[in-house]
Structure formats: structure tokens, C-alpha cells
Amino acid sequence: MIVMRRLKEFLSAADLFYDDGERILREANCPVLVVRNPEKVEKMYDEIKEN
């Protein structure tokens, strides 16, 4: 699984096509989870890791 931050907003189709994050979403051979609040996810991960 790939976990990545929310994608930025694009101004043109060309920007969307050449963006690395967008390409990962389209071409990944595994699940991709996009998070909107990476700090909250990091805190949750640390809590799970401790247990």
C-alpha cells in the first residue's frame, strides 16, 4: 500500500498529466491511500506502533 498526501489542485490538463503524485495514483499496482491531514495520520500511526 502507498500512503500519500492529498494532491494539489491543477491549473491545466498538462500539469495533471506530468505530476508525479497523479502518475502514482494512475499507475500503481497496489492500493493507494490519499490522506488530507498527514499530521493526524502520523499521530495515529505512532499510537498503533507503540501498542
C-alpha atoms as a PDB file:
ATOM      1  CA  MET A   1       0.000   0.000   0.000  1.00  0.00           C
ATOM      2  CA  ILE A   2       1.161   3.507  -0.785  1.00  0.00           C
ATOM      3  CA  VAL A   3       0.108   6.327   1.546  1.00  0.00           C
ATOM      4  CA  MET A   4       0.456   9.818   0.145  1.00  0.00           C
ATOM      5  CA  ARG A   5      -0.650  13.355   0.851  1.00  0.00           C
ATOM      6  CA  ARG A   6      -3.585  14.963  -0.859  1.00  0.00           C
ATOM      7  CA  LEU A   7      -2.818  16.011  -4.418  1.00  0.00           C
ATOM      8  CA  LYS A   8      -2.507  19.663  -5.272  1.00  0.00           C
ATOM      9  CA  GLU A   9      -5.040  21.420  -7.462  1.00  0.00           C
ATOM     10  CA  PHE A  10      -4.098  21.592 -11.106  1.00  0.00           C
ATOM     11  CA  LEU A  11      -4.485  24.516 -13.457  1.00  0.00           C
ATOM     12  CA  SER A  12      -4.243  22.576 -16.682  1.00  0.00           C
ATOM     13  CA  ALA A  13      -4.543  19.056 -18.050  1.00  0.00           C
ATOM     14  CA  ALA A  14      -0.832  19.119 -18.892  1.00  0.00           C
ATOM     15  CA  ASP A  15       0.066  19.798 -15.239  1.00  0.00           C
ATOM     16  CA  LEU A  16      -2.158  16.908 -14.201  1.00  0.00           C
ATOM     17  CA  PHE A  17      -0.612  14.563 -16.757  1.00  0.00           C
ATOM     18  CA  TYR A  18       3.004  15.268 -15.724  1.00  0.00           C
ATOM     19  CA  ASP A  19       2.531  15.379 -11.934  1.00  0.00           C
ATOM     20  CA  ASP A  20       4.391  12.571 -10.132  1.00  0.00           C
ATOM     21  CA  GLY A  21       1.689  12.120  -7.488  1.00  0.00           C
ATOM     22  CA  GLU A  22      -1.062  11.829 -10.070  1.00  0.00           C
ATOM     23  CA  ARG A  23       1.011   9.349 -12.067  1.00  0.00           C
ATOM     24  CA  ILE A  24       1.484   7.193  -8.963  1.00  0.00           C
ATOM     25  CA  LEU A  25      -2.285   7.156  -8.427  1.00  0.00           C
ATOM     26  CA  ARG A  26      -2.934   6.111 -12.017  1.00  0.00           C
ATOM     27  CA  GLU A  27      -0.145   3.549 -12.443  1.00  0.00           C
ATOM     28  CA  ALA A  28       0.372   1.931  -9.026  1.00  0.00           C
ATOM     29  CA  ASN A  29      -0.066  -1.836  -8.942  1.00  0.00           C
ATOM     30  CA  CYS A  30      -1.143  -1.722  -5.301  1.00  0.00           C
ATOM     31  CA  PRO A  31      -3.728   0.193  -3.238  1.00  0.00           C
ATOM     32  CA  VAL A  32      -3.083   3.930  -2.811  1.00  0.00           C
ATOM     33  CA  LEU A  33      -4.457   5.793   0.197  1.00  0.00           C
ATOM     34  CA  VAL A  34      -4.613   9.589  -0.083  1.00  0.00           C
ATOM     35  CA  VAL A  35      -4.738  11.439   3.241  1.00  0.00           C
ATOM     36  CA  ARG A  36      -5.882  15.006   3.781  1.00  0.00           C
ATOM     37  CA  ASN A  37      -4.328  15.519   7.202  1.00  0.00           C
ATOM     38  CA  PRO A  38      -0.870  13.890   7.268  1.00  0.00           C
ATOM     39  CA  GLU A  39      -0.109  15.080  10.811  1.00  0.00           C
ATOM     40  CA  LYS A  40      -3.167  13.265  12.164  1.00  0.00           C
ATOM     41  CA  VAL A  41      -2.269  10.102  10.258  1.00  0.00           C
ATOM     42  CA  GLU A  42       1.301  10.232  11.583  1.00  0.00           C
ATOM     43  CA  LYS A  43      -0.030  10.520  15.149  1.00  0.00           C
ATOM     44  CA  MET A  44      -2.374   7.552  14.613  1.00  0.00           C
ATOM     45  CA  TYR A  45       0.494   5.501  13.170  1.00  0.00           C
ATOM     46  CA  ASP A  46       2.714   6.290  16.159  1.00  0.00           C
ATOM     47  CA  GLU A  47      -0.049   5.222  18.562  1.00  0.00           C
ATOM     48  CA  ILE A  48      -0.533   1.920  16.733  1.00  0.00           C
ATOM     49  CA  LYS A  49       3.202   1.309  16.591  1.00  0.00           C
ATOM     50  CA  GLU A  50       3.516   1.747  20.378  1.00  0.00           C
ATOM     51  CA  ASN A  51       0.915  -0.957  21.100  1.00  0.00           C
END
